[in-house]
Structure formats: structure tokens, C-alpha cells
Amino acid sequence: MSRPAPATDVDGPPDRKSVLFCPRCDHASPVDGDWVVHTHATSLEYRCPDCDARITERKRDRRPDGPTNPALRLWSGLLQTATVWVRSAKRPCA
């Protein structure tokens, strides 16, 4: 027995799993489509291009290459220096 082919609606939304839908105006588009994306420090906020409704907010996948806060950058450098110094101090003398 074979299964019938699924009916496709020509006027319906795209046949993809990664489609977002606006709950306010029913706008539909792929995730990488025409959504207005606001970049925040730790997330991406997707808004509808038609009615400006907030669709979703997703965590950013990538991390910055290093700390952007100057105090945090200084502290990170001091910590790395101290770690190297402690490791070198633990080596036996020849």
C-alpha cells in the first residue's frame, strides 16, 4: 500500500521547518528572511517587518573573541599572567 502524496497549498506558507509566523498580522517568512533583527549583547530579537510585533528572541550562537569591557579585559590579562607565573614558580630548579 502506498501513501497519498501530501496536498500542497500554493498560496500557503513556504514548506520549511525554519519558518516564523507573526501572531499579530500572520506574516510568514524563513528565519533568514525579511524579519527585522535587533542585535543585543547576548541575543537576537526578531520583529515583524509589517507590524513591528516582537516575534522571538534567541540567544546568540557565537561568543565575542574576548572580553569587551576594559576592566574585564585587564582582569583577564592579570589572571593569565598570574597563572603563568605560578606555573613557572612550581618548576624544579635545574
PDB file of N, CA and C in Angstrom:
ATOM      1  N   MET A   1       0.818  -1.177   0.000  1.00  0.00           N
ATOM      2  CA  MET A   1       0.000   0.000   0.000  1.00  0.00           C
ATOM      3  C   MET A   1       0.869   1.249   0.000  1.00  0.00           C
ATOM      4  N   SER A   2       0.525   2.181  -0.797  1.00  0.00           N
ATOM      5  CA  SER A   2       1.282   3.428  -0.825  1.00  0.00           C
ATOM      6  C   SER A   2       0.457   4.542  -0.204  1.00  0.00           C
ATOM      7  N   ARG A   3       1.157   5.522   0.319  1.00  0.00           N
ATOM      8  CA  ARG A   3       0.503   6.666   0.943  1.00  0.00           C
ATOM      9  C   ARG A   3       0.195   7.720  -0.101  1.00  0.00           C
ATOM     10  N   PRO A   4      -0.906   8.430   0.039  1.00  0.00           N
ATOM     11  CA  PRO A   4      -1.182   9.504  -0.912  1.00  0.00           C
ATOM     12  C   PRO A   4      -0.200  10.651  -0.717  1.00  0.00           C
ATOM     13  N   ALA A   5       0.113  11.307  -1.782  1.00  0.00           N
ATOM     14  CA  ALA A   5       1.018  12.460  -1.722  1.00  0.00           C
ATOM     15  C   ALA A   5       0.350  13.578  -0.936  1.00  0.00           C
ATOM     16  N   PRO A   6       1.121  14.265  -0.066  1.00  0.00           N
ATOM     17  CA  PRO A   6       0.525  15.360   0.700  1.00  0.00           C
ATOM     18  C   PRO A   6       0.110  16.510  -0.205  1.00  0.00           C
ATOM     19  N   ALA A   7      -1.026  17.072   0.113  1.00  0.00           N
ATOM     20  CA  ALA A   7      -1.511  18.206  -0.685  1.00  0.00           C
ATOM     21  C   ALA A   7      -0.695  19.439  -0.341  1.00  0.00           C
ATOM     22  N   THR A   8      -0.320  20.192  -1.340  1.00  0.00           N
ATOM     23  CA  THR A   8       0.439  21.419  -1.109  1.00  0.00           C
ATOM     24  C   THR A   8      -0.437  22.609  -1.462  1.00  0.00           C
ATOM     25  N   ASP A   9      -0.445  23.566  -0.602  1.00  0.00           N
ATOM     26  CA  ASP A   9      -1.210  24.787  -0.813  1.00  0.00           C
ATOM     27  C   ASP A   9      -0.284  25.806  -1.471  1.00  0.00           C
ATOM     28  N   VAL A  10      -0.563  26.156  -2.717  1.00  0.00           N
ATOM     29  CA  VAL A  10       0.298  27.074  -3.460  1.00  0.00           C
ATOM     30  C   VAL A  10       0.359  28.437  -2.793  1.00  0.00           C
ATOM     31  N   ASP A  11      -0.749  28.892  -2.216  1.00  0.00           N
ATOM     32  CA  ASP A  11      -0.789  30.204  -1.575  1.00  0.00           C
ATOM     33  C   ASP A  11      -0.393  30.159  -0.104  1.00  0.00           C
ATOM     34  N   GLY A  12      -0.098  28.981   0.406  1.00  0.00           N
ATOM     35  CA  GLY A  12       0.232  28.824   1.826  1.00  0.00           C
ATOM     36  C   GLY A  12       1.663  29.225   2.120  1.00  0.00           C
ATOM     37  N   PRO A  13       2.083  29.052   3.380  1.00  0.00           N
ATOM     38  CA  PRO A  13       3.441  29.412   3.772  1.00  0.00           C
ATOM     39  C   PRO A  13       4.463  28.488   3.119  1.00  0.00           C
ATOM     40  N   PRO A  14       5.716  28.902   3.060  1.00  0.00           N
ATOM     41  CA  PRO A  14       6.767  28.069   2.475  1.00  0.00           C
ATOM     42  C   PRO A  14       6.859  26.740   3.215  1.00  0.00           C
ATOM     43  N   ASP A  15       7.228  25.687   2.506  1.00  0.00           N
ATOM     44  CA  ASP A  15       7.315  24.346   3.077  1.00  0.00           C
ATOM     45  C   ASP A  15       8.700  24.120   3.687  1.00  0.00           C
ATOM     46  N   ARG A  16       8.978  24.806   4.803  1.00  0.00           N
ATOM     47  CA  ARG A  16      10.256  24.693   5.504  1.00  0.00           C
ATOM     48  C   ARG A  16       9.987  24.643   6.986  1.00  0.00           C
ATOM     49  N   LYS A  17      10.877  23.991   7.729  1.00  0.00           N
ATOM     50  CA  LYS A  17      10.724  23.925   9.179  1.00  0.00           C
ATOM     51  C   LYS A  17      11.093  25.236   9.845  1.00  0.00           C
ATOM     52  N   SER A  18      11.993  25.976   9.250  1.00  0.00           N
ATOM     53  CA  SER A  18      12.501  27.192   9.889  1.00  0.00           C
ATOM     54  C   SER A  18      11.729  28.438   9.472  1.00  0.00           C
ATOM     55  N   VAL A  19      10.416  28.346   9.484  1.00  0.00           N
ATOM     56  CA  VAL A  19       9.574  29.479   9.120  1.00  0.00           C
ATOM     57  C   VAL A  19       9.010  30.091  10.391  1.00  0.00           C
ATOM     58  N   LEU A  20       9.092  31.423  10.489  1.00  0.00           N
ATOM     59  CA  LEU A  20       8.497  32.136  11.620  1.00  0.00           C
ATOM     60  C   LEU A  20       7.192  32.769  11.163  1.00  0.00           C
ATOM     61  N   PHE A  21       6.242  32.843  12.084  1.00  0.00           N
ATOM     62  CA  PHE A  21       4.939  33.431  11.791  1.00  0.00           C
ATOM     63  C   PHE A  21       4.663  34.556  12.777  1.00  0.00           C
ATOM     64  N   CYS A  22       4.161  35.663  12.294  1.00  0.00           N
ATOM     65  CA  CYS A  22       3.776  36.773  13.157  1.00  0.00           C
ATOM     66  C   CYS A  22       2.376  36.490  13.712  1.00  0.00           C
ATOM     67  N   PRO A  23       2.216  36.495  15.033  1.00  0.00           N
ATOM     68  CA  PRO A  23       0.902  36.218  15.606  1.00  0.00           C
ATOM     69  C   PRO A  23      -0.079  37.377  15.425  1.00  0.00           C
ATOM     70  N   ARG A  24       0.426  38.565  15.148  1.00  0.00           N
ATOM     71  CA  ARG A  24      -0.441  39.735  15.030  1.00  0.00           C
ATOM     72  C   ARG A  24      -1.003  39.892  13.616  1.00  0.00           C
ATOM     73  N   CYS A  25      -0.160  39.755  12.593  1.00  0.00           N
ATOM     74  CA  CYS A  25      -0.627  40.025  11.226  1.00  0.00           C
ATOM     75  C   CYS A  25      -0.496  38.824  10.289  1.00  0.00           C
ATOM     76  N   ASP A  26      -0.073  37.662  10.800  1.00  0.00           N
ATOM     77  CA  ASP A  26       0.068  36.426  10.014  1.00  0.00           C
ATOM     78  C   ASP A  26       1.142  36.482   8.932  1.00  0.00           C
ATOM     79  N   HIS A  27       2.089  37.403   9.045  1.00  0.00           N
ATOM     80  CA  HIS A  27       3.221  37.441   8.119  1.00  0.00           C
ATOM     81  C   HIS A  27       4.049  36.174   8.342  1.00  0.00           C
ATOM     82  N   ALA A  28       4.520  35.539   7.282  1.00  0.00           N
ATOM     83  CA  ALA A  28       5.339  34.332   7.378  1.00  0.00           C
ATOM     84  C   ALA A  28       6.576  34.499   6.517  1.00  0.00           C
ATOM     85  N   SER A  29       7.711  34.054   7.062  1.00  0.00           N
ATOM     86  CA  SER A  29       8.961  34.157   6.331  1.00  0.00           C
ATOM     87  C   SER A  29       9.982  33.226   6.980  1.00  0.00           C
ATOM     88  N   PRO A  30      10.956  32.719   6.216  1.00  0.00           N
ATOM     89  CA  PRO A  30      12.014  31.911   6.826  1.00  0.00           C
ATOM     90  C   PRO A  30      12.775  32.717   7.881  1.00  0.00           C
ATOM     91  N   VAL A  31      13.472  32.020   8.753  1.00  0.00           N
ATOM     92  CA  VAL A  31      14.247  32.683   9.803  1.00  0.00           C
ATOM     93  C   VAL A  31      15.220  33.685   9.208  1.00  0.00           C
ATOM     94  N   ASP A  32      15.820  33.324   8.087  1.00  0.00           N
ATOM     95  CA  ASP A  32      16.773  34.235   7.439  1.00  0.00           C
ATOM     96  C   ASP A  32      16.091  35.108   6.386  1.00  0.00           C
ATOM     97  N   GLY A  33      14.786  35.272   6.491  1.00  0.00           N
ATOM     98  CA  GLY A  33      14.014  36.058   5.533  1.00  0.00           C
ATOM     99  C   GLY A  33      14.033  37.548   5.831  1.00  0.00           C
ATOM    100  N   ASP A  34      12.867  38.169   5.712  1.00  0.00           N
ATOM    101  CA  ASP A  34      12.792  39.627   5.793  1.00  0.00           C
ATOM    102  C   ASP A  34      12.483  40.179   7.185  1.00  0.00           C
ATOM    103  N   TRP A  35      12.697  39.421   8.236  1.00  0.00           N
ATOM    104  CA  TRP A  35      12.459  39.887   9.600  1.00  0.00           C
ATOM    105  C   TRP A  35      13.436  41.002   9.957  1.00  0.00           C
ATOM    106  N   VAL A  36      12.999  41.905  10.803  1.00  0.00           N
ATOM    107  CA  VAL A  36      13.877  42.963  11.311  1.00  0.00           C
ATOM    108  C   VAL A  36      14.579  42.374  12.531  1.00  0.00           C
ATOM    109  N   VAL A  37      15.905  42.309  12.491  1.00  0.00           N
ATOM    110  CA  VAL A  37      16.667  41.673  13.560  1.00  0.00           C
ATOM    111  C   VAL A  37      17.435  42.739  14.327  1.00  0.00           C
ATOM    112  N   HIS A  38      17.191  42.811  15.646  1.00  0.00           N
ATOM    113  CA  HIS A  38      17.923  43.709  16.533  1.00  0.00           C
ATOM    114  C   HIS A  38      18.953  42.876  17.286  1.00  0.00           C
ATOM    115  N   THR A  39      20.220  43.272  17.205  1.00  0.00           N
ATOM    116  CA  THR A  39      21.291  42.548  17.863  1.00  0.00           C
ATOM    117  C   THR A  39      21.530  43.137  19.242  1.00  0.00           C
ATOM    118  N   HIS A  40      21.456  42.285  20.256  1.00  0.00           N
ATOM    119  CA  HIS A  40      21.749  42.677  21.633  1.00  0.00           C
ATOM    120  C   HIS A  40      23.040  41.974  22.064  1.00  0.00           C
ATOM    121  N   ALA A  41      23.501  42.245  23.256  1.00  0.00           N
ATOM    122  CA  ALA A  41      24.768  41.675  23.724  1.00  0.00           C
ATOM    123  C   ALA A  41      24.743  40.146  23.708  1.00  0.00           C
ATOM    124  N   THR A  42      23.659  39.546  24.133  1.00  0.00           N
ATOM    125  CA  THR A  42      23.614  38.085  24.237  1.00  0.00           C
ATOM    126  C   THR A  42      22.513  37.448  23.402  1.00  0.00           C
ATOM    127  N   SER A  43      21.745  38.243  22.679  1.00  0.00           N
ATOM    128  CA  SER A  43      20.620  37.667  21.946  1.00  0.00           C
ATOM    129  C   SER A  43      20.323  38.431  20.659  1.00  0.00           C
ATOM    130  N   LEU A  44      19.483  37.813  19.845  1.00  0.00           N
ATOM    131  CA  LEU A  44      18.968  38.421  18.624  1.00  0.00           C
ATOM    132  C   LEU A  44      17.456  38.505  18.769  1.00  0.00           C
ATOM    133  N   GLU A  45      16.889  39.678  18.518  1.00  0.00           N
ATOM    134  CA  GLU A  45      15.460  39.874  18.635  1.00  0.00           C
ATOM    135  C   GLU A  45      14.875  40.015  17.229  1.00  0.00           C
ATOM    136  N   TYR A  46      13.879  39.190  16.922  1.00  0.00           N
ATOM    137  CA  TYR A  46      13.228  39.205  15.616  1.00  0.00           C
ATOM    138  C   TYR A  46      11.906  39.947  15.722  1.00  0.00           C
ATOM    139  N   ARG A  47      11.687  40.919  14.814  1.00  0.00           N
ATOM    140  CA  ARG A  47      10.450  41.691  14.777  1.00  0.00           C
ATOM    141  C   ARG A  47       9.853  41.612  13.377  1.00  0.00           C
ATOM    142  N   CYS A  48       8.539  41.732  13.323  1.00  0.00           N
ATOM    143  CA  CYS A  48       7.807  41.662  12.059  1.00  0.00           C
ATOM    144  C   CYS A  48       8.074  42.928  11.236  1.00  0.00           C
ATOM    145  N   PRO A  49       8.364  42.784   9.941  1.00  0.00           N
ATOM    146  CA  PRO A  49       8.604  43.962   9.102  1.00  0.00           C
ATOM    147  C   PRO A  49       7.314  44.723   8.778  1.00  0.00           C
ATOM    148  N   ASP A  50       6.163  44.072   8.939  1.00  0.00           N
ATOM    149  CA  ASP A  50       4.895  44.713   8.607  1.00  0.00           C
ATOM    150  C   ASP A  50       4.280  45.476   9.786  1.00  0.00           C
ATOM    151  N   CYS A  51       4.227  44.827  10.962  1.00  0.00           N
ATOM    152  CA  CYS A  51       3.530  45.452  12.096  1.00  0.00           C
ATOM    153  C   CYS A  51       4.432  45.706  13.303  1.00  0.00           C
ATOM    154  N   ASP A  52       5.731  45.375  13.224  1.00  0.00           N
ATOM    155  CA  ASP A  52       6.728  45.593  14.267  1.00  0.00           C
ATOM    156  C   ASP A  52       6.460  44.781  15.541  1.00  0.00           C
ATOM    157  N   ALA A  53       5.691  43.711  15.438  1.00  0.00           N
ATOM    158  CA  ALA A  53       5.463  42.842  16.598  1.00  0.00           C
ATOM    159  C   ALA A  53       6.735  42.063  16.900  1.00  0.00           C
ATOM    160  N   ARG A  54       6.996  41.826  18.182  1.00  0.00           N
ATOM    161  CA  ARG A  54       8.154  41.035  18.596  1.00  0.00           C
ATOM    162  C   ARG A  54       7.814  39.571  18.367  1.00  0.00           C
ATOM    163  N   ILE A  55       8.603  38.892  17.544  1.00  0.00           N
ATOM    164  CA  ILE A  55       8.333  37.502  17.200  1.00  0.00           C
ATOM    165  C   ILE A  55       9.023  36.566  18.180  1.00  0.00           C
ATOM    166  N   THR A  56      10.330  36.717  18.327  1.00  0.00           N
ATOM    167  CA  THR A  56      11.093  35.859  19.227  1.00  0.00           C
ATOM    168  C   THR A  56      12.406  36.533  19.571  1.00  0.00           C
ATOM    169  N   GLU A  57      13.031  36.039  20.616  1.00  0.00           N
ATOM    170  CA  GLU A  57      14.379  36.483  20.989  1.00  0.00           C
ATOM    171  C   GLU A  57      15.202  35.231  21.216  1.00  0.00           C
ATOM    172  N   ARG A  58      16.281  35.112  20.499  1.00  0.00           N
ATOM    173  CA  ARG A  58      17.112  33.910  20.557  1.00  0.00           C
ATOM    174  C   ARG A  58      18.515  34.267  21.013  1.00  0.00           C
ATOM    175  N   LYS A  59      19.110  33.347  21.777  1.00  0.00           N
ATOM    176  CA  LYS A  59      20.484  33.558  22.223  1.00  0.00           C
ATOM    177  C   LYS A  59      21.409  33.553  21.025  1.00  0.00           C
ATOM    178  N   ARG A  60      22.431  34.384  21.101  1.00  0.00           N
ATOM    179  CA  ARG A  60      23.417  34.430  20.020  1.00  0.00           C
ATOM    180  C   ARG A  60      24.262  33.170  20.079  1.00  0.00           C
ATOM    181  N   ASP A  61      24.589  32.621  18.919  1.00  0.00           N
ATOM    182  CA  ASP A  61      25.375  31.398  18.839  1.00  0.00           C
ATOM    183  C   ASP A  61      26.857  31.632  19.088  1.00  0.00           C
ATOM    184  N   ARG A  62      27.326  32.762  18.680  1.00  0.00           N
ATOM    185  CA  ARG A  62      28.771  32.991  18.763  1.00  0.00           C
ATOM    186  C   ARG A  62      29.114  33.891  19.938  1.00  0.00           C
ATOM    187  N   ARG A  63      30.287  33.677  20.451  1.00  0.00           N
ATOM    188  CA  ARG A  63      30.780  34.487  21.553  1.00  0.00           C
ATOM    189  C   ARG A  63      31.780  35.485  20.992  1.00  0.00           C
ATOM    190  N   PRO A  64      31.914  36.627  21.639  1.00  0.00           N
ATOM    191  CA  PRO A  64      32.945  37.561  21.188  1.00  0.00           C
ATOM    192  C   PRO A  64      34.335  36.944  21.355  1.00  0.00           C
ATOM    193  N   ASP A  65      35.279  37.417  20.581  1.00  0.00           N
ATOM    194  CA  ASP A  65      36.631  36.862  20.639  1.00  0.00           C
ATOM    195  C   ASP A  65      37.271  37.041  22.007  1.00  0.00           C
ATOM    196  N   GLY A  66      36.921  38.060  22.711  1.00  0.00           N
ATOM    197  CA  GLY A  66      37.474  38.308  24.029  1.00  0.00           C
ATOM    198  C   GLY A  66      36.585  39.271  24.778  1.00  0.00           C
ATOM    199  N   PRO A  67      36.917  39.545  26.041  1.00  0.00           N
ATOM    200  CA  PRO A  67      36.099  40.476  26.814  1.00  0.00           C
ATOM    201  C   PRO A  67      36.105  41.864  26.188  1.00  0.00           C
ATOM    202  N   THR A  68      34.954  42.501  26.142  1.00  0.00           N
ATOM    203  CA  THR A  68      34.869  43.833  25.560  1.00  0.00           C
ATOM    204  C   THR A  68      34.943  44.919  26.637  1.00  0.00           C
ATOM    205  N   ASN A  69      34.618  44.588  27.855  1.00  0.00           N
ATOM    206  CA  ASN A  69      34.696  45.535  28.958  1.00  0.00           C
ATOM    207  C   ASN A  69      36.166  45.747  29.306  1.00  0.00           C
ATOM    208  N   PRO A  70      36.670  46.998  29.330  1.00  0.00           N
ATOM    209  CA  PRO A  70      38.098  47.228  29.616  1.00  0.00           C
ATOM    210  C   PRO A  70      38.542  46.667  30.969  1.00  0.00           C
ATOM    211  N   ALA A  71      37.715  46.793  31.993  1.00  0.00           N
ATOM    212  CA  ALA A  71      38.086  46.260  33.314  1.00  0.00           C
ATOM    213  C   ALA A  71      38.175  44.741  33.264  1.00  0.00           C
ATOM    214  N   LEU A  72      37.241  44.117  32.569  1.00  0.00           N
ATOM    215  CA  LEU A  72      37.258  42.664  32.435  1.00  0.00           C
ATOM    216  C   LEU A  72      38.454  42.200  31.619  1.00  0.00           C
ATOM    217  N   ARG A  73      38.804  42.967  30.579  1.00  0.00           N
ATOM    218  CA  ARG A  73      39.967  42.645  29.765  1.00  0.00           C
ATOM    219  C   ARG A  73      41.245  42.726  30.611  1.00  0.00           C
ATOM    220  N   LEU A  74      41.353  43.769  31.458  1.00  0.00           N
ATOM    221  CA  LEU A  74      42.511  43.926  32.334  1.00  0.00           C
ATOM    222  C   LEU A  74      42.594  42.773  33.332  1.00  0.00           C
ATOM    223  N   TRP A  75      41.459  42.454  33.960  1.00  0.00           N
ATOM    224  CA  TRP A  75      41.429  41.368  34.945  1.00  0.00           C
ATOM    225  C   TRP A  75      41.810  40.044  34.286  1.00  0.00           C
ATOM    226  N   SER A  76      41.320  39.784  33.076  1.00  0.00           N
ATOM    227  CA  SER A  76      41.636  38.556  32.358  1.00  0.00           C
ATOM    228  C   SER A  76      43.142  38.472  32.080  1.00  0.00           C
ATOM    229  N   GLY A  77      43.747  39.597  31.662  1.00  0.00           N
ATOM    230  CA  GLY A  77      45.184  39.621  31.405  1.00  0.00           C
ATOM    231  C   GLY A  77      45.999  39.381  32.663  1.00  0.00           C
ATOM    232  N   LEU A  78      45.577  40.002  33.783  1.00  0.00           N
ATOM    233  CA  LEU A  78      46.281  39.790  35.054  1.00  0.00           C
ATOM    234  C   LEU A  78      46.179  38.344  35.515  1.00  0.00           C
ATOM    235  N   LEU A  79      45.009  37.753  35.347  1.00  0.00           N
ATOM    236  CA  LEU A  79      44.804  36.367  35.736  1.00  0.00           C
ATOM    237  C   LEU A  79      45.675  35.425  34.906  1.00  0.00           C
ATOM    238  N   GLN A  80      45.767  35.679  33.598  1.00  0.00           N
ATOM    239  CA  GLN A  80      46.620  34.848  32.747  1.00  0.00           C
ATOM    240  C   GLN A  80      48.087  34.992  33.137  1.00  0.00           C
ATOM    241  N   THR A  81      48.526  36.214  33.447  1.00  0.00           N
ATOM    242  CA  THR A  81      49.908  36.456  33.858  1.00  0.00           C
ATOM    243  C   THR A  81      50.213  35.743  35.168  1.00  0.00           C
ATOM    244  N   ALA A  82      49.289  35.836  36.123  1.00  0.00           N
ATOM    245  CA  ALA A  82      49.486  35.174  37.421  1.00  0.00           C
ATOM    246  C   ALA A  82      49.553  33.662  37.244  1.00  0.00           C
ATOM    247  N   THR A  83      48.735  33.114  36.367  1.00  0.00           N
ATOM    248  CA  THR A  83      48.738  31.668  36.140  1.00  0.00           C
ATOM    249  C   THR A  83      50.074  31.219  35.570  1.00  0.00           C
ATOM    250  N   VAL A  84      50.605  31.952  34.616  1.00  0.00           N
ATOM    251  CA  VAL A  84      51.906  31.609  34.031  1.00  0.00           C
ATOM    252  C   VAL A  84      52.996  31.723  35.086  1.00  0.00           C
ATOM    253  N   TRP A  85      52.934  32.763  35.910  1.00  0.00           N
ATOM    254  CA  TRP A  85      53.948  32.966  36.944  1.00  0.00           C
ATOM    255  C   TRP A  85      53.919  31.823  37.961  1.00  0.00           C
ATOM    256  N   VAL A  86      52.737  31.408  38.393  1.00  0.00           N
ATOM    257  CA  VAL A  86      52.621  30.323  39.373  1.00  0.00           C
ATOM    258  C   VAL A  86      53.132  29.018  38.774  1.00  0.00           C
ATOM    259  N   ARG A  87      52.799  28.750  37.533  1.00  0.00           N
ATOM    260  CA  ARG A  87      53.280  27.518  36.889  1.00  0.00           C
ATOM    261  C   ARG A  87      54.793  27.508  36.772  1.00  0.00           C
ATOM    262  N   SER A  88      55.385  28.662  36.434  1.00  0.00           N
ATOM    263  CA  SER A  88      56.838  28.718  36.299  1.00  0.00           C
ATOM    264  C   SER A  88      57.518  28.623  37.656  1.00  0.00           C
ATOM    265  N   ALA A  89      56.885  29.095  38.706  1.00  0.00           N
ATOM    266  CA  ALA A  89      57.467  29.032  40.051  1.00  0.00           C
ATOM    267  C   ALA A  89      57.446  27.597  40.588  1.00  0.00           C
ATOM    268  N   LYS A  90      56.534  26.779  40.109  1.00  0.00           N
ATOM    269  CA  LYS A  90      56.443  25.391  40.589  1.00  0.00           C
ATOM    270  C   LYS A  90      57.439  24.457  39.930  1.00  0.00           C
ATOM    271  N   ARG A  91      58.098  24.907  38.861  1.00  0.00           N
ATOM    272  CA  ARG A  91      59.078  24.061  38.177  1.00  0.00           C
ATOM    273  C   ARG A  91      60.305  23.878  39.060  1.00  0.00           C
ATOM    274  N   PRO A  92      60.812  22.663  39.087  1.00  0.00           N
ATOM    275  CA  PRO A  92      62.037  22.434  39.881  1.00  0.00           C
ATOM    276  C   PRO A  92      63.229  23.131  39.227  1.00  0.00           C
ATOM    277  N   CYS A  93      64.134  23.629  40.065  1.00  0.00           N
ATOM    278  CA  CYS A  93      65.346  24.284  39.560  1.00  0.00           C
ATOM    279  C   CYS A  93      66.318  23.214  39.057  1.00  0.00           C
ATOM    280  N   ALA A  94      67.062  23.522  38.013  1.00  0.00           N
ATOM    281  CA  ALA A  94      68.000  22.563  37.423  1.00  0.00           C
ATOM    282  C   ALA A  94      69.313  22.559  38.141  1.00  0.00           C
TER     283      ALA A  94
END
